[in-house]
């Protein structure tokens, strides 16, 4: 099929007009993402309009379309991509961004897991998602292979620490960066060869949509990070988000073991076969991903170019990123101290 390049758009209003939806009201969703921005379209909402960051390569959108078609065919609830006039999956936007229109999934989104029952439901949904992708016909080779390259992120952090110079936060960046790098030196070890499984790639709790009453997980959203990952990294990213009762914007964090246990039990109840080595590395996966994210936040405290920030939480983007870096570092250190206990509990599972 020949796809004609759709018109470009500079604003959400222009993007909706190209889709013939200019008559519908749109509203920017609060906390709509660290990288992409999302608007609800219609009242009540009928669509979600996203301004997708330029860091996602063009192939991302065709992959999202193919995977959501496959998930729907397997009976899973999923947002569906609405192609632009001419058949293009997205509209070109300003500064290399793209405008993407998706069908709206009615429901509830949480920034923190309310409790173990929600974690169990979310993890069961993730297992069903993974099972549905086991025979997906499209290629899931990661389009952003560096996304979870922890060693590379640590190298970038070292460069930021070395080059922060006269930055207003230089002292804090150096101190926090040194702690992160020291923790990485302690916890890194050669991982065994593990299956590269079809993965969502960004399973923070706000990417899990719950039903309108907020009880059962119904679908996963924000599929730009689809690819293949070792299971401990895929679930490690989920669990570092779900089990952190303090959230990502607090330096004081607390790892909730009851949420961890409910999530693991929920996942294993519905997952394809999980190898023993994959199970045992789940705690290490949490600490590794938390430390990796801490390094990324700390580096962006210098560069202030990647993550979004909230003026209500900090006086500047660098200050907000440092707050997040310290929180993720604290979480990684908690997991490091409790890894043996968590691994022992996993060995008790059938």
Protein backbone atom coordinates (compact mmCIF):
# COMPACT_ATOMS: atom_id res chain seq x y z
CA UNK A 1 0.00 0.00 0.00
CA UNK A 2 1.31 3.44 -0.91
CA UNK A 3 1.02 5.84 2.03
CA UNK A 4 0.77 9.54 1.28
CA UNK A 5 2.53 11.85 3.71
CA UNK A 6 -0.11 13.70 5.70
CA UNK A 7 -0.14 17.44 6.28
CA UNK A 8 1.99 18.74 9.12
CA UNK A 9 0.62 20.48 12.21
CA UNK A 10 2.13 22.84 14.77
CA UNK A 11 -0.59 22.73 17.44
CA UNK A 12 -3.08 20.17 18.76
CA UNK A 13 -5.88 22.21 17.18
CA UNK A 14 -4.21 21.97 13.76
CA UNK A 15 -3.62 18.23 14.19
CA UNK A 16 -7.26 17.61 15.07
CA UNK A 17 -8.39 19.74 12.12
CA UNK A 18 -6.39 17.54 9.72
CA UNK A 19 -8.22 14.53 11.17
CA UNK A 20 -11.54 16.29 10.71
CA UNK A 21 -11.99 16.56 14.47
CA UNK A 22 -11.47 20.29 14.91
CA UNK A 23 -14.97 20.63 16.35
CA UNK A 24 -14.11 18.49 19.38
CA UNK A 25 -12.70 20.06 22.57
CA UNK A 26 -9.26 18.94 23.73
CA UNK A 27 -7.62 19.07 27.14
CA UNK A 28 -3.96 18.59 28.04
CA UNK A 29 -3.79 15.83 30.63
CA UNK A 30 -2.02 16.75 33.85
CA UNK A 31 1.18 14.79 34.34
CA UNK A 32 0.79 13.45 30.81
CA UNK A 33 4.27 12.00 30.65
CA UNK A 34 7.95 12.65 31.16
CA UNK A 35 8.61 12.56 27.41
CA UNK A 36 5.36 12.78 25.38
CA UNK A 37 2.38 15.07 25.96
CA UNK A 38 -1.19 13.79 25.73
CA UNK A 39 -4.56 15.48 25.22
CA UNK A 40 -8.01 13.98 25.69
CA UNK A 41 -10.25 14.75 22.72
CA UNK A 42 -14.01 15.07 23.08
CA UNK A 43 -16.28 15.37 26.08
CA UNK A 44 -16.58 12.65 27.19
CA UNK A 45 -13.23 11.66 25.64
CA UNK A 46 -13.30 9.75 22.36
CA UNK A 47 -9.64 9.95 21.39
CA UNK A 48 -6.18 10.59 22.82
CA UNK A 49 -3.91 12.93 20.87
CA UNK A 50 -0.19 12.63 21.59
CA UNK A 51 2.72 14.86 20.68
CA UNK A 52 5.43 12.19 20.42
CA UNK A 53 9.01 13.18 21.19
CA UNK A 54 11.45 13.25 18.27
CA UNK A 55 13.66 10.67 20.01
CA UNK A 56 11.27 7.92 18.86
CA UNK A 57 12.26 6.77 15.34
CA UNK A 58 9.66 6.79 12.53
CA UNK A 59 9.20 3.01 12.64
CA UNK A 60 7.76 3.31 16.15
CA UNK A 61 4.30 4.28 14.95
CA UNK A 62 3.85 1.53 12.36
CA UNK A 63 4.93 -0.94 15.05
CA UNK A 64 2.36 0.46 17.50
CA UNK A 65 -0.33 0.04 14.85
CA UNK A 66 0.66 -3.56 14.09
CA UNK A 67 0.95 -4.57 17.73
CA UNK A 68 -2.36 -3.02 18.78
CA UNK A 69 -4.08 -4.78 15.86
CA UNK A 70 -2.55 -8.05 17.07
CA UNK A 71 -3.52 -7.46 20.71
CA UNK A 72 -7.11 -6.69 19.73
CA UNK A 73 -7.24 -9.88 17.64
CA UNK A 74 -6.09 -11.79 20.74
CA UNK A 75 -8.95 -10.32 22.76
CA UNK A 76 -6.98 -7.76 24.79
CA UNK A 77 -8.27 -4.26 25.34
CA UNK A 78 -5.94 -1.76 23.68
CA UNK A 79 -5.99 1.75 22.22
CA UNK A 80 -6.06 1.66 18.41
CA UNK A 81 -4.11 3.98 16.17
CA UNK A 82 -6.23 6.27 13.96
CA UNK A 83 -4.37 6.88 10.72
CA UNK A 84 -4.14 10.36 9.26
CA UNK A 85 -5.65 11.21 5.86
CA UNK A 86 -3.67 9.39 3.19
CA UNK A 87 -2.93 6.47 5.52
CA UNK A 88 0.10 7.83 7.40
CA UNK A 89 0.25 6.63 11.03
CA UNK A 90 1.16 10.12 12.31
CA UNK A 91 1.27 13.79 11.34
CA UNK A 92 4.63 15.57 11.31
CA UNK A 93 4.83 18.09 14.14
CA UNK A 94 7.21 20.85 15.22
CA UNK A 95 10.88 20.20 16.04
CA UNK A 96 10.84 16.65 14.74
CA UNK A 97 7.90 15.56 16.90
CA UNK A 98 4.85 13.70 15.61
CA UNK A 99 1.12 13.94 16.26
CA UNK A 100 -0.51 10.56 16.90
CA UNK A 101 -4.23 9.96 17.36
CA UNK A 102 -5.46 6.92 19.30
CA UNK A 103 -8.85 5.67 20.37
CA UNK A 104 -9.66 6.45 24.00
CA UNK A 105 -9.82 3.68 26.61
CA UNK A 106 -12.19 4.69 29.37
CA UNK A 107 -10.81 4.09 32.83
CA UNK A 108 -8.61 5.21 35.70
CA UNK A 109 -4.90 5.99 35.83
CA UNK A 110 -2.83 5.93 39.02
CA UNK A 111 0.50 7.59 39.74
CA UNK A 112 1.02 5.16 42.63
CA UNK A 113 -0.25 1.64 43.22
CA UNK A 114 -3.12 1.83 45.72
CA UNK A 115 -2.36 -1.59 47.19
CA UNK A 116 -1.45 -5.26 46.66
CA UNK A 117 -4.73 -6.12 44.90
CA UNK A 118 -4.04 -3.51 42.22
CA UNK A 119 -0.48 -4.79 41.80
CA UNK A 120 -1.72 -8.35 41.38
CA UNK A 121 -4.27 -7.27 38.76
CA UNK A 122 -1.72 -5.17 36.88
CA UNK A 123 0.87 -7.97 36.87
CA UNK A 124 -1.70 -10.50 35.64
CA UNK A 125 -2.52 -8.15 32.77
CA UNK A 126 1.19 -7.78 31.95
CA UNK A 127 1.51 -11.58 31.81
CA UNK A 128 -1.45 -11.78 29.40
CA UNK A 129 0.13 -8.99 27.33
CA UNK A 130 3.42 -10.90 27.13
CA UNK A 131 1.60 -14.12 26.18
CA UNK A 132 -0.35 -12.32 23.43
CA UNK A 133 2.89 -10.96 21.96
CA UNK A 134 4.51 -14.39 21.80
CA UNK A 135 3.34 -14.80 18.19
CA UNK A 136 3.17 -11.16 17.09
CA UNK A 137 3.95 -11.10 13.35
CA UNK A 138 5.96 -7.85 13.31
CA UNK A 139 9.63 -7.48 14.17
CA UNK A 140 10.20 -6.45 17.80
CA UNK A 141 13.90 -5.70 17.52
CA UNK A 142 14.36 -2.70 19.84
CA UNK A 143 14.23 0.58 17.92
CA UNK A 144 16.08 2.26 20.80
CA UNK A 145 18.63 -0.43 21.83
CA UNK A 146 20.37 1.97 24.21
CA UNK A 147 17.22 2.49 26.31
CA UNK A 148 18.22 -0.06 28.97
CA UNK A 149 21.96 -0.13 28.34
CA UNK A 150 22.89 0.52 31.96
CA UNK A 151 26.62 0.65 31.28
CA UNK A 152 26.09 3.32 28.62
CA UNK A 153 23.93 5.41 30.96
CA UNK A 154 26.62 5.20 33.62
CA UNK A 155 29.17 6.41 31.09
CA UNK A 156 26.92 9.37 30.26
CA UNK A 157 26.58 10.11 33.97
CA UNK A 158 30.36 10.08 34.40
CA UNK A 159 30.63 12.55 31.52
CA UNK A 160 28.06 14.79 33.21
CA UNK A 161 29.89 14.62 36.53
CA UNK A 162 33.17 15.45 34.85
CA UNK A 163 31.71 18.26 32.75
CA UNK A 164 29.25 20.02 35.05
CA UNK A 165 31.78 22.84 35.57
CA UNK A 166 30.13 26.05 36.66
CA UNK A 167 26.55 24.78 36.50
CA UNK A 168 24.43 26.08 39.36
CA UNK A 169 23.92 22.49 40.58
CA UNK A 170 27.47 21.30 39.97
CA UNK A 171 28.20 20.36 43.59
CA UNK A 172 24.97 18.38 43.96
CA UNK A 173 25.40 16.68 40.58
CA UNK A 174 28.92 15.57 41.51
CA UNK A 175 27.88 14.28 44.95
CA UNK A 176 24.78 12.42 43.74
CA UNK A 177 26.58 11.13 40.67
CA UNK A 178 29.41 9.76 42.78
CA UNK A 179 26.93 7.83 44.96
CA UNK A 180 25.20 6.38 41.92
CA UNK A 181 28.45 5.30 40.29
CA UNK A 182 29.68 3.74 43.55
CA UNK A 183 26.43 1.76 43.88
CA UNK A 184 26.77 0.59 40.26
CA UNK A 185 30.27 -0.65 40.98
CA UNK A 186 28.86 -2.76 43.84
CA UNK A 187 25.82 -4.30 42.19
CA UNK A 188 26.90 -4.87 38.59
CA UNK A 189 27.78 -8.42 37.74
CA UNK A 190 27.75 -10.56 34.59
CA UNK A 191 24.18 -11.67 33.93
CA UNK A 192 23.56 -15.15 32.58
CA UNK A 193 22.18 -15.51 29.07
CA UNK A 194 18.42 -14.95 29.35
CA UNK A 195 15.64 -15.07 26.73
CA UNK A 196 14.91 -11.75 25.05
CA UNK A 197 11.16 -11.66 25.54
CA UNK A 198 8.57 -9.44 23.83
CA UNK A 199 8.26 -6.49 26.17
CA UNK A 200 6.36 -3.28 26.79
CA UNK A 201 9.53 -1.52 27.91
CA UNK A 202 8.06 1.10 30.26
CA UNK A 203 5.71 -0.53 32.77
CA UNK A 204 5.41 2.30 35.28
CA UNK A 205 2.01 2.18 36.94
CA UNK A 206 0.72 5.22 35.03
CA UNK A 207 1.01 3.14 31.84
CA UNK A 208 -1.48 0.62 33.24
CA UNK A 209 -5.10 1.60 32.62
CA UNK A 210 -7.62 0.40 35.21
CA UNK A 211 -11.39 0.14 34.82
CA UNK A 212 -13.54 3.24 35.58
CA UNK A 213 -13.95 2.11 39.19
CA UNK A 214 -10.18 1.78 39.54
CA UNK A 215 -10.22 -1.88 40.54
CA UNK A 216 -9.10 -4.11 37.67
CA UNK A 217 -6.29 -3.48 35.20
CA UNK A 218 -7.73 -3.46 31.68
CA UNK A 219 -5.00 -2.39 29.25
CA UNK A 220 -1.46 -1.13 28.80
CA UNK A 221 -0.87 2.23 27.14
CA UNK A 222 2.10 4.17 25.72
CA UNK A 223 3.58 1.44 23.53
CA UNK A 224 6.44 3.47 22.02
CA UNK A 225 8.99 1.41 23.96
CA UNK A 226 7.90 -1.99 22.60
CA UNK A 227 10.77 -4.34 21.97
CA UNK A 228 12.54 -7.31 23.53
CA UNK A 229 14.11 -7.40 26.97
CA UNK A 230 15.22 -9.96 29.55
CA UNK A 231 12.26 -10.48 31.88
CA UNK A 232 14.11 -9.18 35.01
CA UNK A 233 14.57 -5.80 33.29
CA UNK A 234 10.99 -5.64 31.98
CA UNK A 235 9.48 -6.50 35.38
CA UNK A 236 12.24 -4.64 37.23
CA UNK A 237 11.02 -1.42 35.63
CA UNK A 238 7.46 -2.24 36.65
CA UNK A 239 8.31 -3.16 40.22
CA UNK A 240 10.61 -0.20 40.88
CA UNK A 241 7.55 1.94 40.05
CA UNK A 242 4.80 -0.11 41.65
CA UNK A 243 6.56 -0.95 44.92
CA UNK A 244 7.83 2.56 45.64
CA UNK A 245 5.19 4.06 47.92
CA UNK A 246 6.88 7.46 47.80
CA UNK A 247 6.53 7.90 44.05
CA UNK A 248 9.14 9.26 41.64
CA UNK A 249 9.04 12.83 42.91
CA UNK A 250 10.04 12.17 46.52
CA UNK A 251 13.49 11.60 47.98
CA UNK A 252 11.99 9.62 50.87
CA UNK A 253 10.99 6.27 49.38
CA UNK A 254 9.81 2.98 50.83
CA UNK A 255 9.81 -0.39 49.08
CA UNK A 256 6.50 -2.14 49.83
CA UNK A 257 7.14 -5.87 50.01
CA UNK A 258 3.42 -6.75 50.04
CA UNK A 259 3.02 -5.08 46.64
CA UNK A 260 6.14 -6.87 45.38
CA UNK A 261 4.82 -10.28 46.45
CA UNK A 262 1.32 -9.67 45.05
CA UNK A 263 2.77 -8.57 41.71
CA UNK A 264 5.09 -11.58 41.39
CA UNK A 265 2.29 -13.99 42.29
CA UNK A 266 -0.08 -12.30 39.85
CA UNK A 267 2.43 -12.42 37.02
CA UNK A 268 3.39 -16.05 37.53
CA UNK A 269 -0.29 -17.06 37.70
CA UNK A 270 -0.88 -16.01 34.08
CA UNK A 271 2.57 -15.92 32.45
CA UNK A 272 4.12 -18.22 29.90
CA UNK A 273 6.90 -20.43 31.30
CA UNK A 274 9.37 -18.39 33.37
CA UNK A 275 12.82 -19.89 33.76
CA UNK A 276 14.34 -20.24 37.28
CA UNK A 277 17.17 -17.83 36.43
CA UNK A 278 14.64 -15.21 35.33
CA UNK A 279 12.79 -15.50 38.63
CA UNK A 280 15.89 -15.25 40.78
CA UNK A 281 17.14 -12.13 39.02
CA UNK A 282 13.91 -10.17 39.57
CA UNK A 283 15.22 -8.28 42.66
CA UNK A 284 18.48 -7.50 40.85
CA UNK A 285 16.43 -6.23 37.93
CA UNK A 286 14.62 -3.75 40.18
CA UNK A 287 17.81 -2.32 41.67
CA UNK A 288 19.50 -2.18 38.27
CA UNK A 289 16.62 -0.28 36.62
CA UNK A 290 16.21 2.09 39.59
CA UNK A 291 19.93 2.87 39.51
CA UNK A 292 19.86 3.28 35.73
CA UNK A 293 17.00 5.76 35.96
CA UNK A 294 18.77 7.56 38.79
CA UNK A 295 21.80 8.00 36.51
CA UNK A 296 19.62 9.34 33.69
CA UNK A 297 17.90 11.83 36.00
CA UNK A 298 21.20 12.97 37.47
CA UNK A 299 22.77 13.52 34.05
CA UNK A 300 19.72 15.49 32.89
CA UNK A 301 20.03 17.69 35.97
CA UNK A 302 23.00 19.10 34.04
CA UNK A 303 21.68 19.00 30.49
CA UNK A 304 17.98 19.78 31.22
CA UNK A 305 17.01 18.55 27.75
CA UNK A 306 15.20 15.21 28.12
CA UNK A 307 12.77 14.81 31.01
CA UNK A 308 9.80 17.06 31.64
CA UNK A 309 9.58 18.80 35.01
CA UNK A 310 6.91 20.23 37.29
CA UNK A 311 7.33 23.82 38.59
CA UNK A 312 5.08 22.91 41.50
CA UNK A 313 7.69 20.42 42.74
CA UNK A 314 10.97 22.24 42.12
CA UNK A 315 12.27 25.65 41.18
CA UNK A 316 13.90 24.41 38.00
CA UNK A 317 14.23 21.31 35.78
CA UNK A 318 17.68 20.47 37.13
CA UNK A 319 16.42 20.64 40.71
CA UNK A 320 13.48 18.36 39.86
CA UNK A 321 15.71 15.84 38.08
CA UNK A 322 18.08 15.75 41.08
CA UNK A 323 15.13 15.08 43.38
CA UNK A 324 14.12 12.17 41.16
CA UNK A 325 17.70 10.91 40.93
CA UNK A 326 18.05 10.79 44.70
CA UNK A 327 14.73 9.02 45.08
CA UNK A 328 15.63 6.30 42.60
CA UNK A 329 19.06 5.93 44.19
CA UNK A 330 17.45 5.47 47.61
CA UNK A 331 15.16 2.80 46.15
CA UNK A 332 18.07 0.96 44.53
CA UNK A 333 19.95 0.95 47.84
CA UNK A 334 16.91 -0.45 49.68
CA UNK A 335 16.65 -3.31 47.18
CA UNK A 336 20.38 -3.93 47.42
CA UNK A 337 20.06 -4.41 51.19
CA UNK A 338 16.99 -6.68 50.91
CA UNK A 339 17.94 -8.69 47.81
CA UNK A 340 18.79 -11.87 49.73
CA UNK A 341 15.45 -11.92 51.54
CA UNK A 342 13.48 -11.27 48.36
CA UNK A 343 15.40 -13.95 46.45
CA UNK A 344 14.74 -16.46 49.23
CA UNK A 345 11.00 -15.72 49.08
CA UNK A 346 10.97 -16.24 45.31
CA UNK A 347 12.55 -19.67 45.76
CA UNK A 348 9.55 -20.70 47.87
CA UNK A 349 7.15 -20.23 44.94
CA UNK A 350 6.04 -23.24 42.97
